[in-house]
Amino acid sequence: MNPALSYRQAFNTILKRDLKIALRHRDDIVNPLLFFIIVITLFAISVGAMPNVLMTIAPGVIWVAALLSTLLSLERLFKNDYQDGSLEQLLLSPCPVFILVLAKIVAHWLVTSLPLILLAPLLAMMMNLHPDGYLALFLTLLLGTPILSLLGAIGVALTVALKKGGVLLSLLILPLYIPVLILATAAVEAATMNSPYQGHLAIIAALFFASLITAPFAVGAALKVSTN
């Protein structure tokens, strides 16, 4: 059998499995999305009497809410598999671990971040975001949220064996998220001022490809260390 074909089948199998599990446990999808909506709505209500202020802080608020929503959902990425023993079976699989890990990360992004991206324009209207910033917001979320999932998976893999690793996970991951947050917010702010923001997008894209290439290998190595 063609190895590339078997690897693709393994990737698709893990991806479909995780998506089915997420659909059975709807809270994995609903909770991060509700958190995202609640945070932005509270900001919109609290600063609603000052639309200019709301417009100014909109990019940062939306991106901080997206970051925290992703962080909220990360701990379950490998935890359930570790508890029921299926994670060890994945690590013993003849298929390269990085392919299986990448499938789980993609499933996490589809379940948590994709609904968030689709809902972001509506919430941006609530935050009075300048119309010129919508495309930049969409592009930064499309490129930036996969980075959050990829980097976050490294922290989850390092803390998967800990019973209460949520605080440690936040301490490990948040410093890695800061560059993405700064670049994405700056890109949206530049777009709202009719300034070029392609440079910001290029750096975010470079971070995305760097994370895509390196993170699955790092996650696989961290899982092997954590489960031994």
C-alpha atoms as a PDB file:
ATOM      1  CA  MET A   1       0.000   0.000   0.000  1.00  0.00           C
ATOM      2  CA  ASN A   2       1.130   3.520  -0.744  1.00  0.00           C
ATOM      3  CA  PRO A   3       2.424   4.984   2.589  1.00  0.00           C
ATOM      4  CA  ALA A   4       1.050   8.434   1.722  1.00  0.00           C
ATOM      5  CA  LEU A   5      -2.406   6.924   1.201  1.00  0.00           C
ATOM      6  CA  SER A   6      -2.305   5.038   4.497  1.00  0.00           C
ATOM      7  CA  TYR A   7      -1.173   8.173   6.329  1.00  0.00           C
ATOM      8  CA  ARG A   8      -4.053  10.106   4.774  1.00  0.00           C
ATOM      9  CA  GLN A   9      -6.488   7.412   5.856  1.00  0.00           C
ATOM     10  CA  ALA A  10      -5.126   7.542   9.403  1.00  0.00           C
ATOM     11  CA  PHE A  11      -5.462  11.337   9.435  1.00  0.00           C
ATOM     12  CA  ASN A  12      -9.046  11.176   8.164  1.00  0.00           C
ATOM     13  CA  THR A  13      -9.949   8.438  10.660  1.00  0.00           C
ATOM     14  CA  ILE A  14      -8.757  10.439  13.675  1.00  0.00           C
ATOM     15  CA  LEU A  15     -10.329  13.632  12.327  1.00  0.00           C
ATOM     16  CA  LYS A  16     -13.740  12.004  11.814  1.00  0.00           C
ATOM     17  CA  ARG A  17     -13.533  10.283  15.207  1.00  0.00           C
ATOM     18  CA  ASP A  18     -12.851  13.536  17.077  1.00  0.00           C
ATOM     19  CA  LEU A  19     -15.552  15.405  15.176  1.00  0.00           C
ATOM     20  CA  LYS A  20     -18.099  12.709  16.007  1.00  0.00           C
ATOM     21  CA  ILE A  21     -17.132  12.818  19.680  1.00  0.00           C
ATOM     22  CA  ALA A  22     -17.456  16.616  19.681  1.00  0.00           C
ATOM     23  CA  LEU A  23     -20.913  16.428  18.096  1.00  0.00           C
ATOM     24  CA  ARG A  24     -22.006  13.977  20.811  1.00  0.00           C
ATOM     25  CA  HIS A  25     -20.737  16.344  23.501  1.00  0.00           C
ATOM     26  CA  ARG A  26     -22.212  19.611  22.284  1.00  0.00           C
ATOM     27  CA  ASP A  27     -20.790  21.528  25.235  1.00  0.00           C
ATOM     28  CA  ASP A  28     -17.346  21.244  23.611  1.00  0.00           C
ATOM     29  CA  ILE A  29     -18.703  23.421  20.817  1.00  0.00           C
ATOM     30  CA  VAL A  30     -21.181  25.608  22.677  1.00  0.00           C
ATOM     31  CA  ASN A  31     -19.187  26.601  25.781  1.00  0.00           C
ATOM     32  CA  PRO A  32     -16.256  28.378  24.046  1.00  0.00           C
ATOM     33  CA  LEU A  33     -18.661  30.073  21.639  1.00  0.00           C
ATOM     34  CA  LEU A  34     -20.906  31.263  24.475  1.00  0.00           C
ATOM     35  CA  PHE A  35     -17.879  32.546  26.354  1.00  0.00           C
ATOM     36  CA  PHE A  36     -16.785  34.462  23.238  1.00  0.00           C
ATOM     37  CA  ILE A  37     -20.245  35.996  22.852  1.00  0.00           C
ATOM     38  CA  ILE A  38     -20.614  36.876  26.541  1.00  0.00           C
ATOM     39  CA  VAL A  39     -17.228  38.601  26.825  1.00  0.00           C
ATOM     40  CA  ILE A  40     -17.793  40.787  23.761  1.00  0.00           C
ATOM     41  CA  THR A  41     -21.412  41.528  24.711  1.00  0.00           C
ATOM     42  CA  LEU A  42     -20.392  42.671  28.191  1.00  0.00           C
ATOM     43  CA  PHE A  43     -17.797  45.027  26.736  1.00  0.00           C
ATOM     44  CA  ALA A  44     -20.333  46.364  24.237  1.00  0.00           C
ATOM     45  CA  ILE A  45     -22.886  46.993  27.002  1.00  0.00           C
ATOM     46  CA  SER A  46     -20.415  48.575  29.420  1.00  0.00           C
ATOM     47  CA  VAL A  47     -18.955  50.998  26.845  1.00  0.00           C
ATOM     48  CA  GLY A  48     -22.109  51.364  24.737  1.00  0.00           C
ATOM     49  CA  ALA A  49     -22.588  55.040  25.591  1.00  0.00           C
ATOM     50  CA  MET A  50     -19.192  55.871  24.017  1.00  0.00           C
ATOM     51  CA  PRO A  51     -19.243  54.515  20.439  1.00  0.00           C
ATOM     52  CA  ASN A  52     -15.871  56.063  19.564  1.00  0.00           C
ATOM     53  CA  VAL A  53     -14.222  54.296  22.475  1.00  0.00           C
ATOM     54  CA  LEU A  54     -15.966  51.076  21.477  1.00  0.00           C
ATOM     55  CA  MET A  55     -14.623  51.397  17.933  1.00  0.00           C
ATOM     56  CA  THR A  56     -11.110  51.938  19.254  1.00  0.00           C
ATOM     57  CA  ILE A  57     -11.020  48.917  21.546  1.00  0.00           C
ATOM     58  CA  ALA A  58     -13.001  46.584  19.253  1.00  0.00           C
ATOM     59  CA  PRO A  59     -10.012  44.785  17.625  1.00  0.00           C
ATOM     60  CA  GLY A  60      -8.325  44.086  20.946  1.00  0.00           C
ATOM     61  CA  VAL A  61     -11.513  42.965  22.693  1.00  0.00           C
ATOM     62  CA  ILE A  62     -12.513  40.584  19.898  1.00  0.00           C
ATOM     63  CA  TRP A  63      -9.077  39.038  19.726  1.00  0.00           C
ATOM     64  CA  VAL A  64      -8.688  38.700  23.499  1.00  0.00           C
ATOM     65  CA  ALA A  65     -12.096  37.006  23.639  1.00  0.00           C
ATOM     66  CA  ALA A  66     -11.063  34.642  20.828  1.00  0.00           C
ATOM     67  CA  LEU A  67      -7.796  33.826  22.596  1.00  0.00           C
ATOM     68  CA  LEU A  68      -9.495  33.089  25.915  1.00  0.00           C
ATOM     69  CA  SER A  69     -12.190  31.002  24.209  1.00  0.00           C
ATOM     70  CA  THR A  70      -9.508  28.861  22.593  1.00  0.00           C
ATOM     71  CA  LEU A  71      -7.675  28.513  25.898  1.00  0.00           C
ATOM     72  CA  LEU A  72     -10.915  27.477  27.595  1.00  0.00           C
ATOM     73  CA  SER A  73     -11.357  24.537  25.220  1.00  0.00           C
ATOM     74  CA  LEU A  74      -7.758  23.341  25.035  1.00  0.00           C
ATOM     75  CA  GLU A  75      -7.567  21.177  28.140  1.00  0.00           C
ATOM     76  CA  ARG A  76      -9.933  18.568  26.662  1.00  0.00           C
ATOM     77  CA  LEU A  77      -7.782  18.137  23.554  1.00  0.00           C
ATOM     78  CA  PHE A  78      -5.945  15.067  24.903  1.00  0.00           C
ATOM     79  CA  LYS A  79      -7.383  14.686  28.414  1.00  0.00           C
ATOM     80  CA  ASN A  80     -10.253  12.317  27.611  1.00  0.00           C
ATOM     81  CA  ASP A  81      -8.041  10.156  25.405  1.00  0.00           C
ATOM     82  CA  TYR A  82      -5.479   9.973  28.197  1.00  0.00           C
ATOM     83  CA  GLN A  83      -8.071   8.956  30.759  1.00  0.00           C
ATOM     84  CA  ASP A  84      -9.631   6.155  28.675  1.00  0.00           C
ATOM     85  CA  GLY A  85      -6.289   4.822  27.432  1.00  0.00           C
ATOM     86  CA  SER A  86      -6.817   5.576  23.747  1.00  0.00           C
ATOM     87  CA  LEU A  87      -3.979   8.111  23.777  1.00  0.00           C
ATOM     88  CA  GLU A  88      -1.456   5.364  24.514  1.00  0.00           C
ATOM     89  CA  GLN A  89      -2.870   3.357  21.633  1.00  0.00           C
ATOM     90  CA  LEU A  90      -2.364   6.331  19.337  1.00  0.00           C
ATOM     91  CA  LEU A  91       1.234   6.699  20.468  1.00  0.00           C
ATOM     92  CA  LEU A  92       1.847   2.972  19.794  1.00  0.00           C
ATOM     93  CA  SER A  93       0.319   3.197  16.327  1.00  0.00           C
ATOM     94  CA  PRO A  94       2.616   2.380  13.370  1.00  0.00           C
ATOM     95  CA  CYS A  95       1.499   5.634  11.791  1.00  0.00           C
ATOM     96  CA  PRO A  96       3.751   8.627  12.619  1.00  0.00           C
ATOM     97  CA  VAL A  97       2.493  10.347  15.739  1.00  0.00           C
ATOM     98  CA  PHE A  98       2.679  13.822  14.233  1.00  0.00           C
ATOM     99  CA  ILE A  99       0.021  12.901  11.650  1.00  0.00           C
ATOM    100  CA  LEU A 100      -2.397  11.688  14.319  1.00  0.00           C
ATOM    101  CA  VAL A 101      -1.676  14.714  16.495  1.00  0.00           C
ATOM    102  CA  LEU A 102      -2.252  17.066  13.574  1.00  0.00           C
ATOM    103  CA  ALA A 103      -5.624  15.431  12.907  1.00  0.00           C
ATOM    104  CA  LYS A 104      -6.685  16.051  16.509  1.00  0.00           C
ATOM    105  CA  ILE A 105      -5.542  19.681  16.340  1.00  0.00           C
ATOM    106  CA  VAL A 106      -7.444  20.244  13.082  1.00  0.00           C
ATOM    107  CA  ALA A 107     -10.564  18.734  14.669  1.00  0.00           C
ATOM    108  CA  HIS A 108     -10.165  21.053  17.654  1.00  0.00           C
ATOM    109  CA  TRP A 109      -9.877  24.076  15.360  1.00  0.00           C
ATOM    110  CA  LEU A 110     -12.941  23.061  13.340  1.00  0.00           C
ATOM    111  CA  VAL A 111     -15.016  22.581  16.489  1.00  0.00           C
ATOM    112  CA  THR A 112     -13.955  25.650  18.469  1.00  0.00           C
ATOM    113  CA  SER A 113     -12.446  28.291  16.195  1.00  0.00           C
ATOM    114  CA  LEU A 114     -14.374  27.959  12.941  1.00  0.00           C
ATOM    115  CA  PRO A 115     -17.775  28.816  14.534  1.00  0.00           C
ATOM    116  CA  LEU A 116     -16.053  31.700  16.291  1.00  0.00           C
ATOM    117  CA  ILE A 117     -14.697  33.057  12.992  1.00  0.00           C
ATOM    118  CA  LEU A 118     -18.112  32.816  11.355  1.00  0.00           C
ATOM    119  CA  LEU A 119     -19.756  34.647  14.242  1.00  0.00           C
ATOM    120  CA  ALA A 120     -17.073  37.340  14.598  1.00  0.00           C
ATOM    121  CA  PRO A 121     -18.477  39.776  11.966  1.00  0.00           C
ATOM    122  CA  LEU A 122     -21.819  39.967  13.780  1.00  0.00           C
ATOM    123  CA  LEU A 123     -20.127  40.659  17.095  1.00  0.00           C
ATOM    124  CA  ALA A 124     -17.839  43.171  15.388  1.00  0.00           C
ATOM    125  CA  MET A 125     -20.969  45.118  14.410  1.00  0.00           C
ATOM    126  CA  MET A 126     -21.982  45.102  18.061  1.00  0.00           C
ATOM    127  CA  MET A 127     -18.542  46.482  18.929  1.00  0.00           C
ATOM    128  CA  ASN A 128     -18.965  49.241  16.323  1.00  0.00           C
ATOM    129  CA  LEU A 129     -15.878  48.096  14.409  1.00  0.00           C
ATOM    130  CA  HIS A 130     -15.074  50.326  11.449  1.00  0.00           C
ATOM    131  CA  PRO A 131     -16.265  48.728   8.162  1.00  0.00           C
ATOM    132  CA  ASP A 132     -12.711  48.805   6.759  1.00  0.00           C
ATOM    133  CA  GLY A 133     -11.606  46.456   9.532  1.00  0.00           C
ATOM    134  CA  TYR A 134     -13.907  43.523   8.757  1.00  0.00           C
ATOM    135  CA  LEU A 135     -11.727  41.886   6.123  1.00  0.00           C
ATOM    136  CA  ALA A 136      -8.619  42.287   8.255  1.00  0.00           C
ATOM    137  CA  LEU A 137     -10.449  40.813  11.250  1.00  0.00           C
ATOM    138  CA  PHE A 138     -11.561  37.806   9.212  1.00  0.00           C
ATOM    139  CA  LEU A 139      -8.092  37.208   7.773  1.00  0.00           C
ATOM    140  CA  THR A 140      -6.314  37.547  11.106  1.00  0.00           C
ATOM    141  CA  LEU A 141      -8.730  35.136  12.759  1.00  0.00           C
ATOM    142  CA  LEU A 142      -8.411  32.700   9.855  1.00  0.00           C
ATOM    143  CA  LEU A 143      -4.616  32.715  10.079  1.00  0.00           C
ATOM    144  CA  GLY A 144      -4.228  33.329  13.797  1.00  0.00           C
ATOM    145  CA  THR A 145      -6.627  30.885  15.441  1.00  0.00           C
ATOM    146  CA  PRO A 146      -4.849  27.800  13.974  1.00  0.00           C
ATOM    147  CA  ILE A 147      -1.671  29.094  15.610  1.00  0.00           C
ATOM    148  CA  LEU A 148      -3.499  29.224  18.944  1.00  0.00           C
ATOM    149  CA  SER A 149      -4.600  25.609  18.547  1.00  0.00           C
ATOM    150  CA  LEU A 150      -1.162  24.401  17.395  1.00  0.00           C
ATOM    151  CA  LEU A 151       0.790  26.137  20.152  1.00  0.00           C
ATOM    152  CA  GLY A 152      -1.855  25.345  22.730  1.00  0.00           C
ATOM    153  CA  ALA A 153      -1.595  21.645  21.914  1.00  0.00           C
ATOM    154  CA  ILE A 154       2.044  21.710  23.056  1.00  0.00           C
ATOM    155  CA  GLY A 155       1.038  22.978  26.483  1.00  0.00           C
ATOM    156  CA  VAL A 156      -1.794  20.443  26.716  1.00  0.00           C
ATOM    157  CA  ALA A 157       0.586  17.624  25.840  1.00  0.00           C
ATOM    158  CA  LEU A 158       3.009  18.703  28.584  1.00  0.00           C
ATOM    159  CA  THR A 159       0.279  18.847  31.239  1.00  0.00           C
ATOM    160  CA  VAL A 160      -1.986  15.993  30.129  1.00  0.00           C
ATOM    161  CA  ALA A 161      -0.965  13.711  32.993  1.00  0.00           C
ATOM    162  CA  LEU A 162      -1.596  16.356  35.664  1.00  0.00           C
ATOM    163  CA  LYS A 163      -4.940  16.231  37.462  1.00  0.00           C
ATOM    164  CA  LYS A 164      -5.219  20.005  37.765  1.00  0.00           C
ATOM    165  CA  GLY A 165      -3.076  21.374  34.995  1.00  0.00           C
ATOM    166  CA  GLY A 166      -5.318  24.226  33.904  1.00  0.00           C
ATOM    167  CA  VAL A 167      -3.388  26.998  35.675  1.00  0.00           C
ATOM    168  CA  LEU A 168      -0.038  25.610  34.559  1.00  0.00           C
ATOM    169  CA  LEU A 169      -1.363  25.320  31.019  1.00  0.00           C
ATOM    170  CA  SER A 170      -2.310  29.010  31.026  1.00  0.00           C
ATOM    171  CA  LEU A 171       1.126  30.000  32.312  1.00  0.00           C
ATOM    172  CA  LEU A 172       2.822  27.944  29.609  1.00  0.00           C
ATOM    173  CA  ILE A 173       0.680  29.031  26.677  1.00  0.00           C
ATOM    174  CA  LEU A 174      -0.223  32.688  27.215  1.00  0.00           C
ATOM    175  CA  PRO A 175       3.339  34.012  26.593  1.00  0.00           C
ATOM    176  CA  LEU A 176       3.339  32.176  23.249  1.00  0.00           C
ATOM    177  CA  TYR A 177       0.011  33.744  22.303  1.00  0.00           C
ATOM    178  CA  ILE A 178       1.087  37.353  22.899  1.00  0.00           C
ATOM    179  CA  PRO A 179       2.882  37.893  19.530  1.00  0.00           C
ATOM    180  CA  VAL A 180      -0.176  36.649  17.629  1.00  0.00           C
ATOM    181  CA  LEU A 181      -2.448  38.896  19.696  1.00  0.00           C
ATOM    182  CA  ILE A 182      -0.272  41.972  19.112  1.00  0.00           C
ATOM    183  CA  LEU A 183       0.115  41.381  15.363  1.00  0.00           C
ATOM    184  CA  ALA A 184      -3.554  40.585  14.764  1.00  0.00           C
ATOM    185  CA  THR A 185      -4.807  43.559  16.739  1.00  0.00           C
ATOM    186  CA  ALA A 186      -2.334  45.864  15.006  1.00  0.00           C
ATOM    187  CA  ALA A 187      -3.451  44.578  11.586  1.00  0.00           C
ATOM    188  CA  VAL A 188      -7.127  45.282  12.280  1.00  0.00           C
ATOM    189  CA  GLU A 189      -6.335  48.705  13.727  1.00  0.00           C
ATOM    190  CA  ALA A 190      -4.238  49.547  10.658  1.00  0.00           C
ATOM    191  CA  ALA A 191      -7.086  48.474   8.376  1.00  0.00           C
ATOM    192  CA  THR A 192      -9.562  50.717  10.211  1.00  0.00           C
ATOM    193  CA  MET A 193      -7.219  53.668   9.578  1.00  0.00           C
ATOM    194  CA  ASN A 194      -6.829  52.803   5.878  1.00  0.00           C
ATOM    195  CA  SER A 195      -3.177  51.951   6.456  1.00  0.00           C
ATOM    196  CA  PRO A 196      -1.463  48.931   4.866  1.00  0.00           C
ATOM    197  CA  TYR A 197      -1.627  45.818   7.018  1.00  0.00           C
ATOM    198  CA  GLN A 198      -0.244  43.223   4.616  1.00  0.00           C
ATOM    199  CA  GLY A 199       3.022  43.136   6.546  1.00  0.00           C
ATOM    200  CA  HIS A 200       1.211  42.083   9.708  1.00  0.00           C
ATOM    201  CA  LEU A 201      -0.641  39.378   7.800  1.00  0.00           C
ATOM    202  CA  ALA A 202       2.608  38.133   6.274  1.00  0.00           C
ATOM    203  CA  ILE A 203       4.190  37.725   9.709  1.00  0.00           C
ATOM    204  CA  ILE A 204       1.083  35.961  11.049  1.00  0.00           C
ATOM    205  CA  ALA A 205       1.141  33.657   8.008  1.00  0.00           C
ATOM    206  CA  ALA A 206       4.822  32.920   8.631  1.00  0.00           C
ATOM    207  CA  LEU A 207       4.029  32.068  12.264  1.00  0.00           C
ATOM    208  CA  PHE A 208       1.210  29.826  11.060  1.00  0.00           C
ATOM    209  CA  PHE A 209       3.413  27.828   8.699  1.00  0.00           C
ATOM    210  CA  ALA A 210       6.198  27.611  11.274  1.00  0.00           C
ATOM    211  CA  SER A 211       3.718  26.321  13.869  1.00  0.00           C
ATOM    212  CA  LEU A 212       2.153  23.910  11.382  1.00  0.00           C
ATOM    213  CA  ILE A 213       5.547  22.381  10.588  1.00  0.00           C
ATOM    214  CA  THR A 214       7.008  22.206  14.091  1.00  0.00           C
ATOM    215  CA  ALA A 215       4.116  21.953  16.577  1.00  0.00           C
ATOM    216  CA  PRO A 216       2.862  18.420  15.685  1.00  0.00           C
ATOM    217  CA  PHE A 217       6.370  17.002  16.230  1.00  0.00           C
ATOM    218  CA  ALA A 218       6.728  18.898  19.516  1.00  0.00           C
ATOM    219  CA  VAL A 219       3.303  17.690  20.675  1.00  0.00           C
ATOM    220  CA  GLY A 220       4.156  14.080  19.817  1.00  0.00           C
ATOM    221  CA  ALA A 221       7.410  14.272  21.764  1.00  0.00           C
ATOM    222  CA  ALA A 222       5.676  15.950  24.734  1.00  0.00           C
ATOM    223  CA  LEU A 223       2.951  13.281  24.818  1.00  0.00           C
ATOM    224  CA  LYS A 224       5.529  10.502  24.898  1.00  0.00           C
ATOM    225  CA  VAL A 225       7.298  12.187  27.814  1.00  0.00           C
ATOM    226  CA  SER A 226       4.055  12.905  29.697  1.00  0.00           C
ATOM    227  CA  THR A 227       2.630   9.382  29.349  1.00  0.00           C
ATOM    228  CA  ASN A 228       5.802   7.524  30.389  1.00  0.00           C
END
